[in-house]
Amino acid sequence: MRVGLVLRPARLDEIAAITALCTRACASGSMVRPLPRIDRDAVSAHRTFVVERTDQLLGVAQLRIEKSDAVLEVLVVAPESLGHGIGRLLYAWALGAARAHGASAMRVVADERTRGFYEHMGAKLIEGRQNGSGKVLRAPLPS
């Protein structure tokens, strides 16, 4: 349920809280994931967005622009908020931001826990491509 959710640019004074959210999310479940790095420059350039409800951070996404592609570097949802549309909201923001920055597609690295989500959202596995932390997928940008 998305009632009361606010999607907005992250602020520099929130980096510690965002990092804490990422730490909790990446340590939950049976498989521990590498902790993503929140880039201060991406926050300053409004390429990092958060979802909150009543001042509680529920998710974060961070985008990097690389030539003609965008790279979704971070998409993390608080464990207690999984299944409530927060990942979808952040993913939709990332696609729109990538398009607004002139990218032709968006790449994402997915592990076993996240690959299904990205494929459900329309990303396709790039055959044979792997990054140290998982499989590389590519999402076309809607027009």
N, C-alpha and C. Protein backbone atom coordinates (compact mmCIF):
# COMPACT_ATOMS: atom_id res chain seq x y z
N MET A 1 0.84 -1.17 0.00
CA MET A 1 0.00 0.00 0.00
C MET A 1 0.89 1.24 0.00
N ARG A 2 0.57 2.21 -0.86
CA ARG A 2 1.41 3.39 -1.03
C ARG A 2 0.86 4.62 -0.32
N VAL A 3 -0.19 4.51 0.43
CA VAL A 3 -0.79 5.66 1.10
C VAL A 3 0.21 6.28 2.07
N GLY A 4 0.39 7.59 1.94
CA GLY A 4 1.27 8.31 2.84
C GLY A 4 2.75 8.24 2.48
N LEU A 5 3.09 7.58 1.38
CA LEU A 5 4.49 7.50 0.98
C LEU A 5 4.92 8.78 0.27
N VAL A 6 6.14 9.19 0.54
CA VAL A 6 6.71 10.37 -0.11
C VAL A 6 8.00 9.93 -0.80
N LEU A 7 8.09 10.20 -2.10
CA LEU A 7 9.30 9.97 -2.87
C LEU A 7 9.95 11.33 -3.06
N ARG A 8 11.21 11.44 -2.64
CA ARG A 8 11.88 12.74 -2.70
C ARG A 8 13.38 12.56 -2.81
N PRO A 9 14.09 13.62 -3.23
CA PRO A 9 15.55 13.54 -3.27
C PRO A 9 16.12 13.35 -1.86
N ALA A 10 17.16 12.55 -1.78
CA ALA A 10 17.87 12.39 -0.50
C ALA A 10 18.63 13.68 -0.19
N ARG A 11 18.89 13.86 1.10
CA ARG A 11 19.66 15.02 1.55
C ARG A 11 21.01 14.55 2.12
N LEU A 12 22.00 15.41 2.02
CA LEU A 12 23.33 15.07 2.54
C LEU A 12 23.29 14.74 4.02
N ASP A 13 22.44 15.43 4.79
CA ASP A 13 22.39 15.17 6.23
C ASP A 13 21.73 13.83 6.57
N GLU A 14 21.25 13.10 5.55
CA GLU A 14 20.62 11.79 5.78
C GLU A 14 21.53 10.61 5.43
N ILE A 15 22.73 10.87 4.98
CA ILE A 15 23.58 9.77 4.51
C ILE A 15 23.77 8.71 5.60
N ALA A 16 23.96 9.11 6.84
CA ALA A 16 24.13 8.12 7.92
C ALA A 16 22.86 7.27 8.09
N ALA A 17 21.70 7.90 8.05
CA ALA A 17 20.44 7.15 8.18
C ALA A 17 20.21 6.24 6.98
N ILE A 18 20.57 6.69 5.79
CA ILE A 18 20.44 5.86 4.59
C ILE A 18 21.38 4.67 4.67
N THR A 19 22.60 4.91 5.12
CA THR A 19 23.57 3.82 5.28
C THR A 19 23.07 2.80 6.31
N ALA A 20 22.47 3.28 7.39
CA ALA A 20 21.90 2.37 8.40
C ALA A 20 20.78 1.53 7.80
N LEU A 21 19.93 2.15 6.98
CA LEU A 21 18.86 1.42 6.30
C LEU A 21 19.46 0.34 5.40
N CYS A 22 20.48 0.68 4.62
CA CYS A 22 21.13 -0.28 3.75
C CYS A 22 21.76 -1.42 4.54
N THR A 23 22.37 -1.11 5.68
CA THR A 23 22.98 -2.13 6.52
C THR A 23 21.93 -3.12 7.01
N ARG A 24 20.81 -2.61 7.50
CA ARG A 24 19.72 -3.49 7.98
C ARG A 24 19.17 -4.35 6.85
N ALA A 25 18.93 -3.73 5.69
CA ALA A 25 18.33 -4.46 4.57
C ALA A 25 19.27 -5.51 4.01
N CYS A 26 20.55 -5.19 3.92
CA CYS A 26 21.50 -6.12 3.32
C CYS A 26 21.87 -7.26 4.26
N ALA A 27 21.61 -7.10 5.54
CA ALA A 27 21.92 -8.15 6.51
C ALA A 27 20.71 -9.02 6.82
N SER A 28 19.53 -8.67 6.28
CA SER A 28 18.33 -9.44 6.60
C SER A 28 18.24 -10.67 5.71
N GLY A 29 17.51 -11.66 6.17
CA GLY A 29 17.33 -12.89 5.41
C GLY A 29 18.50 -13.84 5.59
N SER A 30 18.49 -14.89 4.79
CA SER A 30 19.52 -15.92 4.94
C SER A 30 20.79 -15.61 4.16
N MET A 31 20.73 -14.63 3.26
CA MET A 31 21.89 -14.31 2.44
C MET A 31 22.30 -12.86 2.66
N VAL A 32 23.48 -12.66 3.19
CA VAL A 32 23.98 -11.31 3.43
C VAL A 32 24.54 -10.77 2.11
N ARG A 33 24.14 -9.55 1.76
CA ARG A 33 24.61 -8.91 0.53
C ARG A 33 25.65 -7.85 0.86
N PRO A 34 26.50 -7.52 -0.13
CA PRO A 34 27.47 -6.43 0.09
C PRO A 34 26.73 -5.12 0.35
N LEU A 35 27.27 -4.33 1.23
CA LEU A 35 26.67 -3.04 1.57
C LEU A 35 26.93 -2.04 0.46
N PRO A 36 25.86 -1.46 -0.12
CA PRO A 36 26.08 -0.46 -1.15
C PRO A 36 26.63 0.83 -0.56
N ARG A 37 27.37 1.55 -1.36
CA ARG A 37 27.96 2.82 -0.94
C ARG A 37 27.08 3.96 -1.43
N ILE A 38 26.68 4.82 -0.54
CA ILE A 38 25.90 6.00 -0.90
C ILE A 38 26.88 7.11 -1.27
N ASP A 39 26.80 7.55 -2.51
CA ASP A 39 27.74 8.53 -3.06
C ASP A 39 27.24 9.95 -2.78
N ARG A 40 28.05 10.73 -2.07
CA ARG A 40 27.69 12.12 -1.72
C ARG A 40 27.40 12.94 -2.98
N ASP A 41 28.20 12.73 -4.04
CA ASP A 41 27.99 13.48 -5.28
C ASP A 41 26.64 13.14 -5.90
N ALA A 42 26.24 11.87 -5.84
CA ALA A 42 24.93 11.47 -6.37
C ALA A 42 23.80 12.09 -5.55
N VAL A 43 24.01 12.22 -4.25
CA VAL A 43 23.00 12.87 -3.40
C VAL A 43 22.92 14.35 -3.77
N SER A 44 24.05 15.00 -3.89
CA SER A 44 24.08 16.42 -4.24
C SER A 44 23.47 16.69 -5.61
N ALA A 45 23.64 15.76 -6.55
CA ALA A 45 23.14 15.93 -7.91
C ALA A 45 21.70 15.42 -8.07
N HIS A 46 21.06 15.08 -6.98
CA HIS A 46 19.67 14.58 -6.99
C HIS A 46 19.53 13.30 -7.81
N ARG A 47 20.55 12.43 -7.73
CA ARG A 47 20.48 11.11 -8.35
C ARG A 47 20.30 10.03 -7.30
N THR A 48 19.99 10.44 -6.07
CA THR A 48 19.66 9.52 -4.99
C THR A 48 18.32 9.97 -4.43
N PHE A 49 17.36 9.05 -4.44
CA PHE A 49 16.02 9.36 -3.94
C PHE A 49 15.66 8.40 -2.84
N VAL A 50 14.82 8.85 -1.93
CA VAL A 50 14.34 8.02 -0.84
C VAL A 50 12.82 8.00 -0.85
N VAL A 51 12.28 6.96 -0.23
CA VAL A 51 10.85 6.88 0.05
C VAL A 51 10.73 6.91 1.56
N GLU A 52 9.83 7.75 2.03
CA GLU A 52 9.61 7.84 3.47
C GLU A 52 8.12 7.87 3.76
N ARG A 53 7.79 7.56 4.99
CA ARG A 53 6.44 7.73 5.52
C ARG A 53 6.60 8.28 6.92
N THR A 54 6.00 9.40 7.16
CA THR A 54 6.09 10.09 8.46
C THR A 54 7.52 10.10 9.00
N ASP A 55 8.41 10.62 8.19
CA ASP A 55 9.82 10.81 8.55
C ASP A 55 10.59 9.51 8.80
N GLN A 56 10.06 8.39 8.38
CA GLN A 56 10.79 7.12 8.51
C GLN A 56 11.23 6.69 7.11
N LEU A 57 12.54 6.51 6.91
CA LEU A 57 13.07 6.07 5.62
C LEU A 57 12.71 4.60 5.38
N LEU A 58 12.09 4.33 4.24
CA LEU A 58 11.66 2.98 3.90
C LEU A 58 12.42 2.38 2.73
N GLY A 59 13.07 3.23 1.94
CA GLY A 59 13.81 2.74 0.79
C GLY A 59 14.66 3.82 0.17
N VAL A 60 15.63 3.39 -0.64
CA VAL A 60 16.54 4.32 -1.30
C VAL A 60 16.95 3.74 -2.65
N ALA A 61 17.14 4.62 -3.61
CA ALA A 61 17.68 4.24 -4.92
C ALA A 61 18.70 5.29 -5.34
N GLN A 62 19.74 4.83 -6.00
CA GLN A 62 20.79 5.74 -6.47
C GLN A 62 21.16 5.37 -7.90
N LEU A 63 21.25 6.38 -8.73
CA LEU A 63 21.52 6.20 -10.15
C LEU A 63 22.85 6.84 -10.53
N ARG A 64 23.59 6.18 -11.40
CA ARG A 64 24.83 6.73 -11.96
C ARG A 64 24.66 6.80 -13.47
N ILE A 65 25.04 7.90 -14.07
CA ILE A 65 24.95 8.06 -15.51
C ILE A 65 26.32 7.74 -16.10
N GLU A 66 26.32 6.85 -17.09
CA GLU A 66 27.58 6.35 -17.67
C GLU A 66 27.41 6.30 -19.18
N LYS A 67 27.94 7.28 -19.88
CA LYS A 67 27.81 7.39 -21.34
C LYS A 67 26.34 7.35 -21.73
N SER A 68 25.94 6.38 -22.56
CA SER A 68 24.54 6.34 -23.01
C SER A 68 23.66 5.48 -22.11
N ASP A 69 24.23 4.88 -21.09
CA ASP A 69 23.46 4.05 -20.16
C ASP A 69 23.43 4.68 -18.78
N ALA A 70 22.44 4.29 -18.02
CA ALA A 70 22.39 4.62 -16.60
C ALA A 70 22.61 3.32 -15.84
N VAL A 71 23.16 3.43 -14.66
CA VAL A 71 23.39 2.26 -13.82
C VAL A 71 22.65 2.46 -12.51
N LEU A 72 21.76 1.54 -12.18
CA LEU A 72 21.07 1.58 -10.91
C LEU A 72 22.02 0.98 -9.88
N GLU A 73 22.72 1.83 -9.15
CA GLU A 73 23.74 1.36 -8.22
C GLU A 73 23.15 0.85 -6.92
N VAL A 74 22.06 1.45 -6.48
CA VAL A 74 21.44 1.08 -5.21
C VAL A 74 19.94 1.06 -5.39
N LEU A 75 19.31 0.00 -4.92
CA LEU A 75 17.86 -0.03 -4.71
C LEU A 75 17.66 -0.92 -3.50
N VAL A 76 17.35 -0.30 -2.38
CA VAL A 76 17.22 -1.02 -1.11
C VAL A 76 15.91 -0.62 -0.46
N VAL A 77 15.21 -1.63 0.06
CA VAL A 77 13.95 -1.41 0.77
C VAL A 77 14.11 -2.00 2.18
N ALA A 78 13.60 -1.28 3.17
CA ALA A 78 13.65 -1.77 4.55
C ALA A 78 12.96 -3.13 4.62
N PRO A 79 13.54 -4.08 5.34
CA PRO A 79 12.98 -5.44 5.38
C PRO A 79 11.49 -5.47 5.77
N GLU A 80 11.08 -4.63 6.70
CA GLU A 80 9.69 -4.63 7.15
C GLU A 80 8.75 -3.99 6.14
N SER A 81 9.30 -3.37 5.09
CA SER A 81 8.49 -2.70 4.08
C SER A 81 8.44 -3.43 2.75
N LEU A 82 9.07 -4.60 2.67
CA LEU A 82 9.05 -5.37 1.44
C LEU A 82 7.61 -5.76 1.10
N GLY A 83 7.29 -5.74 -0.18
CA GLY A 83 5.96 -6.15 -0.62
C GLY A 83 4.91 -5.06 -0.55
N HIS A 84 5.32 -3.82 -0.31
CA HIS A 84 4.37 -2.71 -0.19
C HIS A 84 4.50 -1.70 -1.33
N GLY A 85 5.20 -2.06 -2.40
CA GLY A 85 5.30 -1.19 -3.57
C GLY A 85 6.43 -0.18 -3.53
N ILE A 86 7.25 -0.22 -2.50
CA ILE A 86 8.33 0.76 -2.38
C ILE A 86 9.42 0.51 -3.43
N GLY A 87 9.78 -0.74 -3.64
CA GLY A 87 10.76 -1.07 -4.68
C GLY A 87 10.27 -0.66 -6.06
N ARG A 88 9.00 -0.91 -6.34
CA ARG A 88 8.40 -0.50 -7.63
C ARG A 88 8.47 1.02 -7.81
N LEU A 89 8.14 1.74 -6.76
CA LEU A 89 8.16 3.20 -6.81
C LEU A 89 9.58 3.71 -7.10
N LEU A 90 10.56 3.17 -6.40
CA LEU A 90 11.95 3.58 -6.61
C LEU A 90 12.45 3.17 -7.99
N TYR A 91 12.06 1.99 -8.46
CA TYR A 91 12.48 1.53 -9.78
C TYR A 91 11.89 2.43 -10.86
N ALA A 92 10.63 2.80 -10.72
CA ALA A 92 9.98 3.70 -11.68
C ALA A 92 10.69 5.06 -11.69
N TRP A 93 11.05 5.55 -10.50
CA TRP A 93 11.81 6.81 -10.43
C TRP A 93 13.11 6.66 -11.21
N ALA A 94 13.84 5.55 -10.99
CA ALA A 94 15.14 5.34 -11.64
C ALA A 94 15.00 5.32 -13.16
N LEU A 95 13.98 4.64 -13.68
CA LEU A 95 13.76 4.61 -15.12
C LEU A 95 13.51 6.01 -15.66
N GLY A 96 12.66 6.77 -14.97
CA GLY A 96 12.36 8.13 -15.41
C GLY A 96 13.58 9.04 -15.33
N ALA A 97 14.35 8.91 -14.27
CA ALA A 97 15.56 9.73 -14.12
C ALA A 97 16.59 9.37 -15.18
N ALA A 98 16.72 8.08 -15.48
CA ALA A 98 17.66 7.65 -16.51
C ALA A 98 17.27 8.25 -17.86
N ARG A 99 16.00 8.20 -18.18
CA ARG A 99 15.50 8.77 -19.43
C ARG A 99 15.75 10.29 -19.45
N ALA A 100 15.48 10.96 -18.33
CA ALA A 100 15.66 12.41 -18.26
C ALA A 100 17.13 12.81 -18.44
N HIS A 101 18.05 11.92 -18.08
CA HIS A 101 19.48 12.19 -18.24
C HIS A 101 19.99 11.78 -19.62
N GLY A 102 19.09 11.34 -20.50
CA GLY A 102 19.47 11.00 -21.86
C GLY A 102 19.98 9.59 -22.06
N ALA A 103 19.81 8.73 -21.08
CA ALA A 103 20.27 7.35 -21.22
C ALA A 103 19.34 6.59 -22.17
N SER A 104 19.89 5.57 -22.82
CA SER A 104 19.07 4.73 -23.70
C SER A 104 18.61 3.46 -23.00
N ALA A 105 19.24 3.12 -21.91
CA ALA A 105 18.86 1.93 -21.14
C ALA A 105 19.42 2.08 -19.73
N MET A 106 18.98 1.20 -18.85
CA MET A 106 19.48 1.19 -17.47
C MET A 106 19.99 -0.21 -17.15
N ARG A 107 21.18 -0.27 -16.60
CA ARG A 107 21.76 -1.54 -16.18
C ARG A 107 21.64 -1.67 -14.67
N VAL A 108 21.55 -2.91 -14.22
CA VAL A 108 21.49 -3.20 -12.80
C VAL A 108 22.19 -4.53 -12.55
N VAL A 109 22.86 -4.65 -11.42
CA VAL A 109 23.46 -5.92 -11.01
C VAL A 109 22.54 -6.53 -9.97
N ALA A 110 22.10 -7.75 -10.24
CA ALA A 110 21.16 -8.43 -9.34
C ALA A 110 21.77 -9.70 -8.77
N ASP A 111 21.47 -9.97 -7.50
CA ASP A 111 21.88 -11.23 -6.89
C ASP A 111 20.69 -12.18 -6.93
N GLU A 112 20.84 -13.34 -6.33
CA GLU A 112 19.77 -14.34 -6.35
C GLU A 112 18.48 -13.83 -5.70
N ARG A 113 18.62 -12.94 -4.74
CA ARG A 113 17.47 -12.44 -4.00
C ARG A 113 16.72 -11.34 -4.76
N THR A 114 17.40 -10.62 -5.64
CA THR A 114 16.78 -9.48 -6.31
C THR A 114 16.52 -9.68 -7.80
N ARG A 115 17.11 -10.69 -8.39
CA ARG A 115 16.98 -10.89 -9.84
C ARG A 115 15.52 -11.02 -10.27
N GLY A 116 14.73 -11.78 -9.54
CA GLY A 116 13.32 -11.96 -9.90
C GLY A 116 12.56 -10.65 -9.94
N PHE A 117 12.83 -9.77 -8.98
CA PHE A 117 12.17 -8.47 -8.95
C PHE A 117 12.49 -7.69 -10.22
N TYR A 118 13.77 -7.60 -10.56
CA TYR A 118 14.17 -6.81 -11.73
C TYR A 118 13.61 -7.42 -13.02
N GLU A 119 13.60 -8.75 -13.12
CA GLU A 119 13.03 -9.38 -14.30
C GLU A 119 11.53 -9.13 -14.37
N HIS A 120 10.86 -9.17 -13.24
CA HIS A 120 9.42 -8.86 -13.20
C HIS A 120 9.16 -7.43 -13.65
N MET A 121 10.09 -6.54 -13.37
CA MET A 121 9.95 -5.13 -13.76
C MET A 121 10.34 -4.89 -15.22
N GLY A 122 10.80 -5.93 -15.92
CA GLY A 122 11.10 -5.81 -17.35
C GLY A 122 12.56 -5.87 -17.74
N ALA A 123 13.46 -5.96 -16.76
CA ALA A 123 14.89 -6.05 -17.08
C ALA A 123 15.20 -7.44 -17.61
N LYS A 124 16.15 -7.49 -18.53
CA LYS A 124 16.55 -8.76 -19.14
C LYS A 124 18.02 -9.03 -18.84
N LEU A 125 18.32 -10.30 -18.59
CA LEU A 125 19.69 -10.72 -18.33
C LEU A 125 20.53 -10.47 -19.58
N ILE A 126 21.68 -9.84 -19.40
CA ILE A 126 22.63 -9.67 -20.50
C ILE A 126 23.46 -10.94 -20.52
N GLU A 127 23.28 -11.73 -21.55
CA GLU A 127 23.88 -13.06 -21.63
C GLU A 127 25.37 -13.04 -21.32
N GLY A 128 25.77 -13.87 -20.38
CA GLY A 128 27.17 -14.03 -20.05
C GLY A 128 27.79 -12.92 -19.22
N ARG A 129 27.06 -11.85 -18.94
CA ARG A 129 27.62 -10.74 -18.17
C ARG A 129 27.45 -11.00 -16.69
N GLN A 130 28.52 -10.86 -15.97
CA GLN A 130 28.46 -11.00 -14.53
C GLN A 130 29.39 -9.99 -13.90
N ASN A 131 28.94 -9.47 -12.79
CA ASN A 131 29.74 -8.56 -11.98
C ASN A 131 30.11 -9.38 -10.75
N GLY A 132 31.10 -8.97 -10.00
CA GLY A 132 31.50 -9.73 -8.82
C GLY A 132 30.37 -10.02 -7.86
N SER A 133 29.35 -9.19 -7.83
CA SER A 133 28.27 -9.40 -6.87
C SER A 133 27.00 -9.97 -7.49
N GLY A 134 26.99 -10.28 -8.78
CA GLY A 134 25.79 -10.86 -9.36
C GLY A 134 25.71 -10.72 -10.86
N LYS A 135 24.54 -11.02 -11.39
CA LYS A 135 24.26 -10.97 -12.83
C LYS A 135 23.89 -9.55 -13.26
N VAL A 136 24.31 -9.20 -14.46
CA VAL A 136 24.00 -7.88 -15.00
C VAL A 136 22.74 -7.98 -15.86
N LEU A 137 21.77 -7.11 -15.58
CA LEU A 137 20.55 -7.03 -16.34
C LEU A 137 20.45 -5.66 -16.98
N ARG A 138 19.67 -5.59 -18.05
CA ARG A 138 19.47 -4.32 -18.75
C ARG A 138 17.98 -4.08 -18.90
N ALA A 139 17.57 -2.86 -18.55
CA ALA A 139 16.17 -2.48 -18.64
C ALA A 139 16.01 -1.42 -19.71
N PRO A 140 15.13 -1.67 -20.69
CA PRO A 140 14.87 -0.62 -21.67
C PRO A 140 14.09 0.50 -21.00
N LEU A 141 14.25 1.70 -21.50
CA LEU A 141 13.56 2.84 -20.92
C LEU A 141 12.28 3.10 -21.70
N PRO A 142 11.16 3.29 -21.01
CA PRO A 142 9.92 3.59 -21.72
C PRO A 142 10.01 4.96 -22.39
N SER A 143 9.32 5.12 -23.51
CA SER A 143 9.36 6.41 -24.19
C SER A 143 8.46 7.43 -23.57
